[in-house]
Amino acid sequence: MPDILLLPKPKTRTERPRLYKVILLNDDFTPRDFVVKVLKAVFRMSEGEALGVMMTAHRKGACVVAVYTQEVAETKARQATDMGGQAGYPLAFTTEKEE
């Protein structure tokens, strides 16, 4: 009987999905209370977390809200931006690939 050489099976590595940041952009028209309401509703933040994110965006011009897979990040950014639009505010959220 001939010797059979068994080669190890190549291991498949599952690549982690690329992550995207959801970013809140500051504007001078959307009321702070409304921004906090949107952050709590869409991103399930506590009052304190939402206030912190809103104030950082207010002071610095923008603030990273959360990091998700691309599809989730884009959906949440769109939902939050749409809430502002429906209320007549220029509230804007965007996404950016995490480095």
PDB file of N, CA and C in Angstrom:
ATOM      1  N   MET A   1       0.850  -1.167   0.000  1.00  0.00           N
ATOM      2  CA  MET A   1       0.000   0.000   0.000  1.00  0.00           C
ATOM      3  C   MET A   1       0.903   1.240   0.000  1.00  0.00           C
ATOM      4  N   PRO A   2       0.684   2.168  -0.949  1.00  0.00           N
ATOM      5  CA  PRO A   2       1.551   3.350  -1.045  1.00  0.00           C
ATOM      6  C   PRO A   2       1.274   4.332   0.096  1.00  0.00           C
ATOM      7  N   ASP A   3       2.323   5.050   0.471  1.00  0.00           N
ATOM      8  CA  ASP A   3       2.164   6.084   1.499  1.00  0.00           C
ATOM      9  C   ASP A   3       1.384   7.261   0.912  1.00  0.00           C
ATOM     10  N   ILE A   4       0.421   7.700   1.645  1.00  0.00           N
ATOM     11  CA  ILE A   4      -0.382   8.836   1.185  1.00  0.00           C
ATOM     12  C   ILE A   4       0.037  10.061   1.999  1.00  0.00           C
ATOM     13  N   LEU A   5       0.378  11.097   1.269  1.00  0.00           N
ATOM     14  CA  LEU A   5       0.783  12.330   1.921  1.00  0.00           C
ATOM     15  C   LEU A   5      -0.459  13.188   2.147  1.00  0.00           C
ATOM     16  N   LEU A   6      -0.780  13.437   3.384  1.00  0.00           N
ATOM     17  CA  LEU A   6      -1.933  14.272   3.701  1.00  0.00           C
ATOM     18  C   LEU A   6      -1.468  15.703   3.915  1.00  0.00           C
ATOM     19  N   LEU A   7      -2.005  16.573   3.114  1.00  0.00           N
ATOM     20  CA  LEU A   7      -1.659  17.986   3.254  1.00  0.00           C
ATOM     21  C   LEU A   7      -2.699  18.655   4.138  1.00  0.00           C
ATOM     22  N   PRO A   8      -2.274  19.554   4.995  1.00  0.00           N
ATOM     23  CA  PRO A   8      -3.254  20.250   5.832  1.00  0.00           C
ATOM     24  C   PRO A   8      -4.148  21.134   4.965  1.00  0.00           C
ATOM     25  N   LYS A   9      -5.395  21.191   5.366  1.00  0.00           N
ATOM     26  CA  LYS A   9      -6.331  22.050   4.631  1.00  0.00           C
ATOM     27  C   LYS A   9      -5.974  23.502   4.919  1.00  0.00           C
ATOM     28  N   PRO A  10      -6.023  24.324   3.872  1.00  0.00           N
ATOM     29  CA  PRO A  10      -5.727  25.744   4.129  1.00  0.00           C
ATOM     30  C   PRO A  10      -6.807  26.338   5.037  1.00  0.00           C
ATOM     31  N   LYS A  11      -6.352  27.123   5.986  1.00  0.00           N
ATOM     32  CA  LYS A  11      -7.317  27.736   6.902  1.00  0.00           C
ATOM     33  C   LYS A  11      -7.924  28.960   6.234  1.00  0.00           C
ATOM     34  N   THR A  12      -9.212  29.042   6.295  1.00  0.00           N
ATOM     35  CA  THR A  12      -9.868  30.224   5.742  1.00  0.00           C
ATOM     36  C   THR A  12     -10.001  31.257   6.852  1.00  0.00           C
ATOM     37  N   ARG A  13      -9.569  32.448   6.545  1.00  0.00           N
ATOM     38  CA  ARG A  13      -9.667  33.531   7.525  1.00  0.00           C
ATOM     39  C   ARG A  13     -10.828  34.431   7.137  1.00  0.00           C
ATOM     40  N   THR A  14     -11.692  34.626   8.078  1.00  0.00           N
ATOM     41  CA  THR A  14     -12.806  35.519   7.827  1.00  0.00           C
ATOM     42  C   THR A  14     -12.319  36.939   8.079  1.00  0.00           C
ATOM     43  N   GLU A  15     -12.466  37.772   7.059  1.00  0.00           N
ATOM     44  CA  GLU A  15     -12.019  39.154   7.196  1.00  0.00           C
ATOM     45  C   GLU A  15     -13.093  39.958   7.905  1.00  0.00           C
ATOM     46  N   ARG A  16     -12.659  40.782   8.826  1.00  0.00           N
ATOM     47  CA  ARG A  16     -13.606  41.632   9.539  1.00  0.00           C
ATOM     48  C   ARG A  16     -14.192  42.647   8.566  1.00  0.00           C
ATOM     49  N   PRO A  17     -15.477  42.944   8.724  1.00  0.00           N
ATOM     50  CA  PRO A  17     -16.065  43.941   7.826  1.00  0.00           C
ATOM     51  C   PRO A  17     -15.461  45.325   8.108  1.00  0.00           C
ATOM     52  N   ARG A  18     -15.373  46.123   7.081  1.00  0.00           N
ATOM     53  CA  ARG A  18     -14.860  47.484   7.232  1.00  0.00           C
ATOM     54  C   ARG A  18     -15.839  48.277   8.093  1.00  0.00           C
ATOM     55  N   LEU A  19     -15.301  49.118   8.946  1.00  0.00           N
ATOM     56  CA  LEU A  19     -16.154  49.906   9.822  1.00  0.00           C
ATOM     57  C   LEU A  19     -16.222  51.352   9.349  1.00  0.00           C
ATOM     58  N   TYR A  20     -17.366  51.957   9.598  1.00  0.00           N
ATOM     59  CA  TYR A  20     -17.614  53.334   9.189  1.00  0.00           C
ATOM     60  C   TYR A  20     -18.080  54.154  10.377  1.00  0.00           C
ATOM     61  N   LYS A  21     -17.581  55.393  10.449  1.00  0.00           N
ATOM     62  CA  LYS A  21     -17.978  56.313  11.506  1.00  0.00           C
ATOM     63  C   LYS A  21     -19.216  57.076  11.053  1.00  0.00           C
ATOM     64  N   VAL A  22     -20.155  57.271  11.963  1.00  0.00           N
ATOM     65  CA  VAL A  22     -21.277  58.169  11.718  1.00  0.00           C
ATOM     66  C   VAL A  22     -20.891  59.483  12.380  1.00  0.00           C
ATOM     67  N   ILE A  23     -20.952  60.564  11.618  1.00  0.00           N
ATOM     68  CA  ILE A  23     -20.493  61.865  12.098  1.00  0.00           C
ATOM     69  C   ILE A  23     -21.640  62.871  12.091  1.00  0.00           C
ATOM     70  N   LEU A  24     -21.819  63.547  13.223  1.00  0.00           N
ATOM     71  CA  LEU A  24     -22.791  64.629  13.347  1.00  0.00           C
ATOM     72  C   LEU A  24     -22.095  65.926  12.952  1.00  0.00           C
ATOM     73  N   LEU A  25     -22.698  66.651  12.002  1.00  0.00           N
ATOM     74  CA  LEU A  25     -22.151  67.933  11.568  1.00  0.00           C
ATOM     75  C   LEU A  25     -22.914  69.054  12.260  1.00  0.00           C
ATOM     76  N   ASN A  26     -22.200  70.014  12.793  1.00  0.00           N
ATOM     77  CA  ASN A  26     -22.841  71.129  13.481  1.00  0.00           C
ATOM     78  C   ASN A  26     -23.486  72.081  12.481  1.00  0.00           C
ATOM     79  N   ASP A  27     -24.600  72.666  12.871  1.00  0.00           N
ATOM     80  CA  ASP A  27     -25.195  73.759  12.108  1.00  0.00           C
ATOM     81  C   ASP A  27     -25.704  74.784  13.115  1.00  0.00           C
ATOM     82  N   ASP A  28     -25.995  75.980  12.637  1.00  0.00           N
ATOM     83  CA  ASP A  28     -26.407  77.049  13.545  1.00  0.00           C
ATOM     84  C   ASP A  28     -27.920  77.191  13.666  1.00  0.00           C
ATOM     85  N   PHE A  29     -28.685  76.235  13.137  1.00  0.00           N
ATOM     86  CA  PHE A  29     -30.132  76.389  13.093  1.00  0.00           C
ATOM     87  C   PHE A  29     -30.907  75.326  13.862  1.00  0.00           C
ATOM     88  N   THR A  30     -30.395  74.102  13.903  1.00  0.00           N
ATOM     89  CA  THR A  30     -31.115  73.018  14.579  1.00  0.00           C
ATOM     90  C   THR A  30     -31.012  73.201  16.093  1.00  0.00           C
ATOM     91  N   PRO A  31     -32.163  73.235  16.790  1.00  0.00           N
ATOM     92  CA  PRO A  31     -32.127  73.401  18.250  1.00  0.00           C
ATOM     93  C   PRO A  31     -31.394  72.239  18.928  1.00  0.00           C
ATOM     94  N   ARG A  32     -30.677  72.567  19.972  1.00  0.00           N
ATOM     95  CA  ARG A  32     -29.903  71.555  20.699  1.00  0.00           C
ATOM     96  C   ARG A  32     -30.796  70.438  21.232  1.00  0.00           C
ATOM     97  N   ASP A  33     -31.950  70.793  21.748  1.00  0.00           N
ATOM     98  CA  ASP A  33     -32.874  69.785  22.289  1.00  0.00           C
ATOM     99  C   ASP A  33     -33.291  68.782  21.213  1.00  0.00           C
ATOM    100  N   PHE A  34     -33.474  69.295  19.983  1.00  0.00           N
ATOM    101  CA  PHE A  34     -33.877  68.406  18.890  1.00  0.00           C
ATOM    102  C   PHE A  34     -32.741  67.447  18.534  1.00  0.00           C
ATOM    103  N   VAL A  35     -31.509  67.946  18.512  1.00  0.00           N
ATOM    104  CA  VAL A  35     -30.347  67.094  18.212  1.00  0.00           C
ATOM    105  C   VAL A  35     -30.255  65.975  19.251  1.00  0.00           C
ATOM    106  N   VAL A  36     -30.434  66.314  20.515  1.00  0.00           N
ATOM    107  CA  VAL A  36     -30.391  65.322  21.594  1.00  0.00           C
ATOM    108  C   VAL A  36     -31.496  64.286  21.389  1.00  0.00           C
ATOM    109  N   LYS A  37     -32.691  64.746  21.020  1.00  0.00           N
ATOM    110  CA  LYS A  37     -33.821  63.840  20.778  1.00  0.00           C
ATOM    111  C   LYS A  37     -33.485  62.841  19.656  1.00  0.00           C
ATOM    112  N   VAL A  38     -32.877  63.320  18.586  1.00  0.00           N
ATOM    113  CA  VAL A  38     -32.505  62.450  17.455  1.00  0.00           C
ATOM    114  C   VAL A  38     -31.436  61.444  17.876  1.00  0.00           C
ATOM    115  N   LEU A  39     -30.424  61.911  18.593  1.00  0.00           N
ATOM    116  CA  LEU A  39     -29.358  61.011  19.042  1.00  0.00           C
ATOM    117  C   LEU A  39     -29.910  59.904  19.939  1.00  0.00           C
ATOM    118  N   LYS A  40     -30.830  60.257  20.809  1.00  0.00           N
ATOM    119  CA  LYS A  40     -31.435  59.260  21.693  1.00  0.00           C
ATOM    120  C   LYS A  40     -32.283  58.270  20.900  1.00  0.00           C
ATOM    121  N   ALA A  41     -33.042  58.768  19.929  1.00  0.00           N
ATOM    122  CA  ALA A  41     -33.955  57.911  19.163  1.00  0.00           C
ATOM    123  C   ALA A  41     -33.208  56.978  18.202  1.00  0.00           C
ATOM    124  N   VAL A  42     -32.315  57.526  17.414  1.00  0.00           N
ATOM    125  CA  VAL A  42     -31.657  56.737  16.362  1.00  0.00           C
ATOM    126  C   VAL A  42     -30.478  55.923  16.890  1.00  0.00           C
ATOM    127  N   PHE A  43     -29.704  56.515  17.810  1.00  0.00           N
ATOM    128  CA  PHE A  43     -28.489  55.854  18.270  1.00  0.00           C
ATOM    129  C   PHE A  43     -28.622  55.264  19.673  1.00  0.00           C
ATOM    130  N   ARG A  44     -29.822  55.335  20.226  1.00  0.00           N
ATOM    131  CA  ARG A  44     -30.141  54.759  21.539  1.00  0.00           C
ATOM    132  C   ARG A  44     -29.184  55.236  22.635  1.00  0.00           C
ATOM    133  N   MET A  45     -28.906  56.530  22.618  1.00  0.00           N
ATOM    134  CA  MET A  45     -28.024  57.116  23.626  1.00  0.00           C
ATOM    135  C   MET A  45     -28.833  57.544  24.843  1.00  0.00           C
ATOM    136  N   SER A  46     -28.143  57.626  25.962  1.00  0.00           N
ATOM    137  CA  SER A  46     -28.756  58.198  27.160  1.00  0.00           C
ATOM    138  C   SER A  46     -28.778  59.718  26.979  1.00  0.00           C
ATOM    139  N   GLU A  47     -29.495  60.388  27.830  1.00  0.00           N
ATOM    140  CA  GLU A  47     -29.553  61.854  27.794  1.00  0.00           C
ATOM    141  C   GLU A  47     -28.140  62.446  27.910  1.00  0.00           C
ATOM    142  N   GLY A  48     -27.368  61.938  28.865  1.00  0.00           N
ATOM    143  CA  GLY A  48     -26.014  62.444  29.081  1.00  0.00           C
ATOM    144  C   GLY A  48     -25.091  62.221  27.893  1.00  0.00           C
ATOM    145  N   GLU A  49     -25.155  61.029  27.299  1.00  0.00           N
ATOM    146  CA  GLU A  49     -24.329  60.728  26.125  1.00  0.00           C
ATOM    147  C   GLU A  49     -24.693  61.654  24.965  1.00  0.00           C
ATOM    148  N   ALA A  50     -25.985  61.801  24.745  1.00  0.00           N
ATOM    149  CA  ALA A  50     -26.458  62.644  23.640  1.00  0.00           C
ATOM    150  C   ALA A  50     -26.045  64.096  23.840  1.00  0.00           C
ATOM    151  N   LEU A  51     -26.153  64.585  25.059  1.00  0.00           N
ATOM    152  CA  LEU A  51     -25.728  65.961  25.347  1.00  0.00           C
ATOM    153  C   LEU A  51     -24.233  66.134  25.080  1.00  0.00           C
ATOM    154  N   GLY A  52     -23.435  65.156  25.480  1.00  0.00           N
ATOM    155  CA  GLY A  52     -21.997  65.216  25.250  1.00  0.00           C
ATOM    156  C   GLY A  52     -21.640  65.254  23.779  1.00  0.00           C
ATOM    157  N   VAL A  53     -22.265  64.402  22.982  1.00  0.00           N
ATOM    158  CA  VAL A  53     -22.008  64.365  21.540  1.00  0.00           C
ATOM    159  C   VAL A  53     -22.443  65.680  20.896  1.00  0.00           C
ATOM    160  N   MET A  54     -23.637  66.157  21.265  1.00  0.00           N
ATOM    161  CA  MET A  54     -24.157  67.403  20.701  1.00  0.00           C
ATOM    162  C   MET A  54     -23.225  68.569  21.024  1.00  0.00           C
ATOM    163  N   MET A  55     -22.752  68.663  22.267  1.00  0.00           N
ATOM    164  CA  MET A  55     -21.881  69.770  22.662  1.00  0.00           C
ATOM    165  C   MET A  55     -20.510  69.684  21.978  1.00  0.00           C
ATOM    166  N   THR A  56     -19.997  68.475  21.793  1.00  0.00           N
ATOM    167  CA  THR A  56     -18.715  68.321  21.083  1.00  0.00           C
ATOM    168  C   THR A  56     -18.861  68.793  19.644  1.00  0.00           C
ATOM    169  N   ALA A  57     -19.947  68.401  18.979  1.00  0.00           N
ATOM    170  CA  ALA A  57     -20.184  68.849  17.600  1.00  0.00           C
ATOM    171  C   ALA A  57     -20.355  70.369  17.564  1.00  0.00           C
ATOM    172  N   HIS A  58     -21.031  70.907  18.557  1.00  0.00           N
ATOM    173  CA  HIS A  58     -21.259  72.355  18.616  1.00  0.00           C
ATOM    174  C   HIS A  58     -19.926  73.102  18.744  1.00  0.00           C
ATOM    175  N   ARG A  59     -19.040  72.610  19.592  1.00  0.00           N
ATOM    176  CA  ARG A  59     -17.758  73.274  19.831  1.00  0.00           C
ATOM    177  C   ARG A  59     -16.741  73.049  18.715  1.00  0.00           C
ATOM    178  N   LYS A  60     -16.709  71.826  18.190  1.00  0.00           N
ATOM    179  CA  LYS A  60     -15.657  71.472  17.231  1.00  0.00           C
ATOM    180  C   LYS A  60     -16.115  71.447  15.774  1.00  0.00           C
ATOM    181  N   GLY A  61     -17.427  71.554  15.549  1.00  0.00           N
ATOM    182  CA  GLY A  61     -17.931  71.557  14.175  1.00  0.00           C
ATOM    183  C   GLY A  61     -18.434  70.199  13.713  1.00  0.00           C
ATOM    184  N   ALA A  62     -17.979  69.137  14.355  1.00  0.00           N
ATOM    185  CA  ALA A  62     -18.414  67.782  14.012  1.00  0.00           C
ATOM    186  C   ALA A  62     -18.038  66.856  15.162  1.00  0.00           C
ATOM    187  N   CYS A  63     -18.706  65.703  15.223  1.00  0.00           N
ATOM    188  CA  CYS A  63     -18.401  64.730  16.271  1.00  0.00           C
ATOM    189  C   CYS A  63     -18.754  63.331  15.784  1.00  0.00           C
ATOM    190  N   VAL A  64     -17.875  62.378  16.048  1.00  0.00           N
ATOM    191  CA  VAL A  64     -18.176  60.983  15.730  1.00  0.00           C
ATOM    192  C   VAL A  64     -19.234  60.512  16.723  1.00  0.00           C
ATOM    193  N   VAL A  65     -20.331  60.005  16.186  1.00  0.00           N
ATOM    194  CA  VAL A  65     -21.442  59.543  17.020  1.00  0.00           C
ATOM    195  C   VAL A  65     -21.249  58.084  17.402  1.00  0.00           C
ATOM    196  N   ALA A  66     -20.921  57.250  16.407  1.00  0.00           N
ATOM    197  CA  ALA A  66     -20.770  55.814  16.631  1.00  0.00           C
ATOM    198  C   ALA A  66     -20.048  55.204  15.439  1.00  0.00           C
ATOM    199  N   VAL A  67     -19.658  53.940  15.573  1.00  0.00           N
ATOM    200  CA  VAL A  67     -18.970  53.218  14.504  1.00  0.00           C
ATOM    201  C   VAL A  67     -19.715  51.914  14.258  1.00  0.00           C
ATOM    202  N   TYR A  68     -20.027  51.663  12.985  1.00  0.00           N
ATOM    203  CA  TYR A  68     -20.791  50.474  12.590  1.00  0.00           C
ATOM    204  C   TYR A  68     -20.228  49.912  11.291  1.00  0.00           C
ATOM    205  N   THR A  69     -20.799  48.795  10.861  1.00  0.00           N
ATOM    206  CA  THR A  69     -20.516  48.310   9.511  1.00  0.00           C
ATOM    207  C   THR A  69     -21.104  49.332   8.541  1.00  0.00           C
ATOM    208  N   GLN A  70     -20.667  49.310   7.299  1.00  0.00           N
ATOM    209  CA  GLN A  70     -21.066  50.335   6.334  1.00  0.00           C
ATOM    210  C   GLN A  70     -22.581  50.455   6.188  1.00  0.00           C
ATOM    211  N   GLU A  71     -23.255  49.343   6.018  1.00  0.00           N
ATOM    212  CA  GLU A  71     -24.703  49.379   5.796  1.00  0.00           C
ATOM    213  C   GLU A  71     -25.446  49.987   6.989  1.00  0.00           C
ATOM    214  N   VAL A  72     -25.077  49.574   8.190  1.00  0.00           N
ATOM    215  CA  VAL A  72     -25.729  50.098   9.401  1.00  0.00           C
ATOM    216  C   VAL A  72     -25.421  51.583   9.559  1.00  0.00           C
ATOM    217  N   ALA A  73     -24.160  51.976   9.350  1.00  0.00           N
ATOM    218  CA  ALA A  73     -23.768  53.380   9.489  1.00  0.00           C
ATOM    219  C   ALA A  73     -24.546  54.261   8.521  1.00  0.00           C
ATOM    220  N   GLU A  74     -24.637  53.838   7.269  1.00  0.00           N
ATOM    221  CA  GLU A  74     -25.350  54.641   6.275  1.00  0.00           C
ATOM    222  C   GLU A  74     -26.837  54.720   6.579  1.00  0.00           C
ATOM    223  N   THR A  75     -27.415  53.626   7.056  1.00  0.00           N
ATOM    224  CA  THR A  75     -28.840  53.624   7.403  1.00  0.00           C
ATOM    225  C   THR A  75     -29.114  54.572   8.558  1.00  0.00           C
ATOM    226  N   LYS A  76     -28.318  54.488   9.606  1.00  0.00           N
ATOM    227  CA  LYS A  76     -28.535  55.347  10.775  1.00  0.00           C
ATOM    228  C   LYS A  76     -28.294  56.820  10.438  1.00  0.00           C
ATOM    229  N   ALA A  77     -27.266  57.113   9.643  1.00  0.00           N
ATOM    230  CA  ALA A  77     -27.002  58.498   9.245  1.00  0.00           C
ATOM    231  C   ALA A  77     -28.179  59.049   8.447  1.00  0.00           C
ATOM    232  N   ARG A  78     -28.723  58.236   7.550  1.00  0.00           N
ATOM    233  CA  ARG A  78     -29.870  58.657   6.740  1.00  0.00           C
ATOM    234  C   ARG A  78     -31.110  58.876   7.612  1.00  0.00           C
ATOM    235  N   GLN A  79     -31.372  57.947   8.548  1.00  0.00           N
ATOM    236  CA  GLN A  79     -32.527  58.084   9.443  1.00  0.00           C
ATOM    237  C   GLN A  79     -32.436  59.373  10.251  1.00  0.00           C
ATOM    238  N   ALA A  80     -31.269  59.642  10.816  1.00  0.00           N
ATOM    239  CA  ALA A  80     -31.087  60.829  11.657  1.00  0.00           C
ATOM    240  C   ALA A  80     -31.217  62.112  10.831  1.00  0.00           C
ATOM    241  N   THR A  81     -30.615  62.126   9.647  1.00  0.00           N
ATOM    242  CA  THR A  81     -30.711  63.297   8.768  1.00  0.00           C
ATOM    243  C   THR A  81     -32.162  63.516   8.336  1.00  0.00           C
ATOM    244  N   ASP A  82     -32.857  62.425   8.030  1.00  0.00           N
ATOM    245  CA  ASP A  82     -34.264  62.517   7.615  1.00  0.00           C
ATOM    246  C   ASP A  82     -35.148  63.062   8.733  1.00  0.00           C
ATOM    247  N   MET A  83     -34.863  62.691   9.976  1.00  0.00           N
ATOM    248  CA  MET A  83     -35.643  63.223  11.104  1.00  0.00           C
ATOM    249  C   MET A  83     -35.526  64.747  11.152  1.00  0.00           C
ATOM    250  N   GLY A  84     -34.323  65.241  10.926  1.00  0.00           N
ATOM    251  CA  GLY A  84     -34.124  66.690  10.897  1.00  0.00           C
ATOM    252  C   GLY A  84     -34.877  67.334   9.752  1.00  0.00           C
ATOM    253  N   GLY A  85     -34.778  66.733   8.579  1.00  0.00           N
ATOM    254  CA  GLY A  85     -35.463  67.267   7.401  1.00  0.00           C
ATOM    255  C   GLY A  85     -36.968  67.303   7.570  1.00  0.00           C
ATOM    256  N   GLN A  86     -37.524  66.244   8.155  1.00  0.00           N
ATOM    257  CA  GLN A  86     -38.967  66.186   8.366  1.00  0.00           C
ATOM    258  C   GLN A  86     -39.436  67.261   9.343  1.00  0.00           C
ATOM    259  N   ALA A  87     -38.562  67.680  10.239  1.00  0.00           N
ATOM    260  CA  ALA A  87     -38.907  68.726  11.204  1.00  0.00           C
ATOM    261  C   ALA A  87     -38.530  70.117  10.676  1.00  0.00           C
ATOM    262  N   GLY A  88     -37.961  70.162   9.478  1.00  0.00           N
ATOM    263  CA  GLY A  88     -37.606  71.441   8.873  1.00  0.00           C
ATOM    264  C   GLY A  88     -36.248  71.987   9.279  1.00  0.00           C
ATOM    265  N   TYR A  89     -35.373  71.121   9.773  1.00  0.00           N
ATOM    266  CA  TYR A  89     -34.044  71.549  10.204  1.00  0.00           C
ATOM    267  C   TYR A  89     -32.976  71.008   9.263  1.00  0.00           C
ATOM    268  N   PRO A  90     -31.846  71.726   9.149  1.00  0.00           N
ATOM    269  CA  PRO A  90     -30.754  71.259   8.284  1.00  0.00           C
ATOM    270  C   PRO A  90     -29.804  70.277   8.979  1.00  0.00           C
ATOM    271  N   LEU A  91     -30.305  69.555   9.959  1.00  0.00           N
ATOM    272  CA  LEU A  91     -29.500  68.586  10.697  1.00  0.00           C
ATOM    273  C   LEU A  91     -28.872  67.594   9.720  1.00  0.00           C
ATOM    274  N   ALA A  92     -27.565  67.359   9.847  1.00  0.00           N
ATOM    275  CA  ALA A  92     -26.881  66.475   8.903  1.00  0.00           C
ATOM    276  C   ALA A  92     -25.933  65.513   9.609  1.00  0.00           C
ATOM    277  N   PHE A  93     -26.020  64.270   9.177  1.00  0.00           N
ATOM    278  CA  PHE A  93     -25.110  63.217   9.615  1.00  0.00           C
ATOM    279  C   PHE A  93     -24.470  62.652   8.357  1.00  0.00           C
ATOM    280  N   THR A  94     -23.225  62.272   8.462  1.00  0.00           N
ATOM    281  CA  THR A  94     -22.524  61.689   7.321  1.00  0.00           C
ATOM    282  C   THR A  94     -21.762  60.459   7.804  1.00  0.00           C
ATOM    283  N   THR A  95     -21.210  59.702   6.852  1.00  0.00           N
ATOM    284  CA  THR A  95     -20.399  58.537   7.221  1.00  0.00           C
ATOM    285  C   THR A  95     -19.019  58.680   6.594  1.00  0.00           C
ATOM    286  N   GLU A  96     -18.051  58.021   7.225  1.00  0.00           N
ATOM    287  CA  GLU A  96     -16.683  58.062   6.756  1.00  0.00           C
ATOM    288  C   GLU A  96     -16.010  56.754   7.149  1.00  0.00           C
ATOM    289  N   LYS A  97     -15.242  56.187   6.220  1.00  0.00           N
ATOM    290  CA  LYS A  97     -14.540  54.930   6.505  1.00  0.00           C
ATOM    291  C   LYS A  97     -13.567  55.139   7.647  1.00  0.00           C
ATOM    292  N   GLU A  98     -13.557  54.189   8.581  1.00  0.00           N
ATOM    293  CA  GLU A  98     -12.621  54.281   9.694  1.00  0.00           C
ATOM    294  C   GLU A  98     -11.256  53.797   9.229  1.00  0.00           C
ATOM    295  N   GLU A  99     -10.238  54.535   9.575  1.00  0.00           N
ATOM    296  CA  GLU A  99      -8.856  54.174   9.157  1.00  0.00           C
ATOM    297  C   GLU A  99      -8.305  53.062   9.992  1.00  0.00           C
TER     298      GLU A  99
END
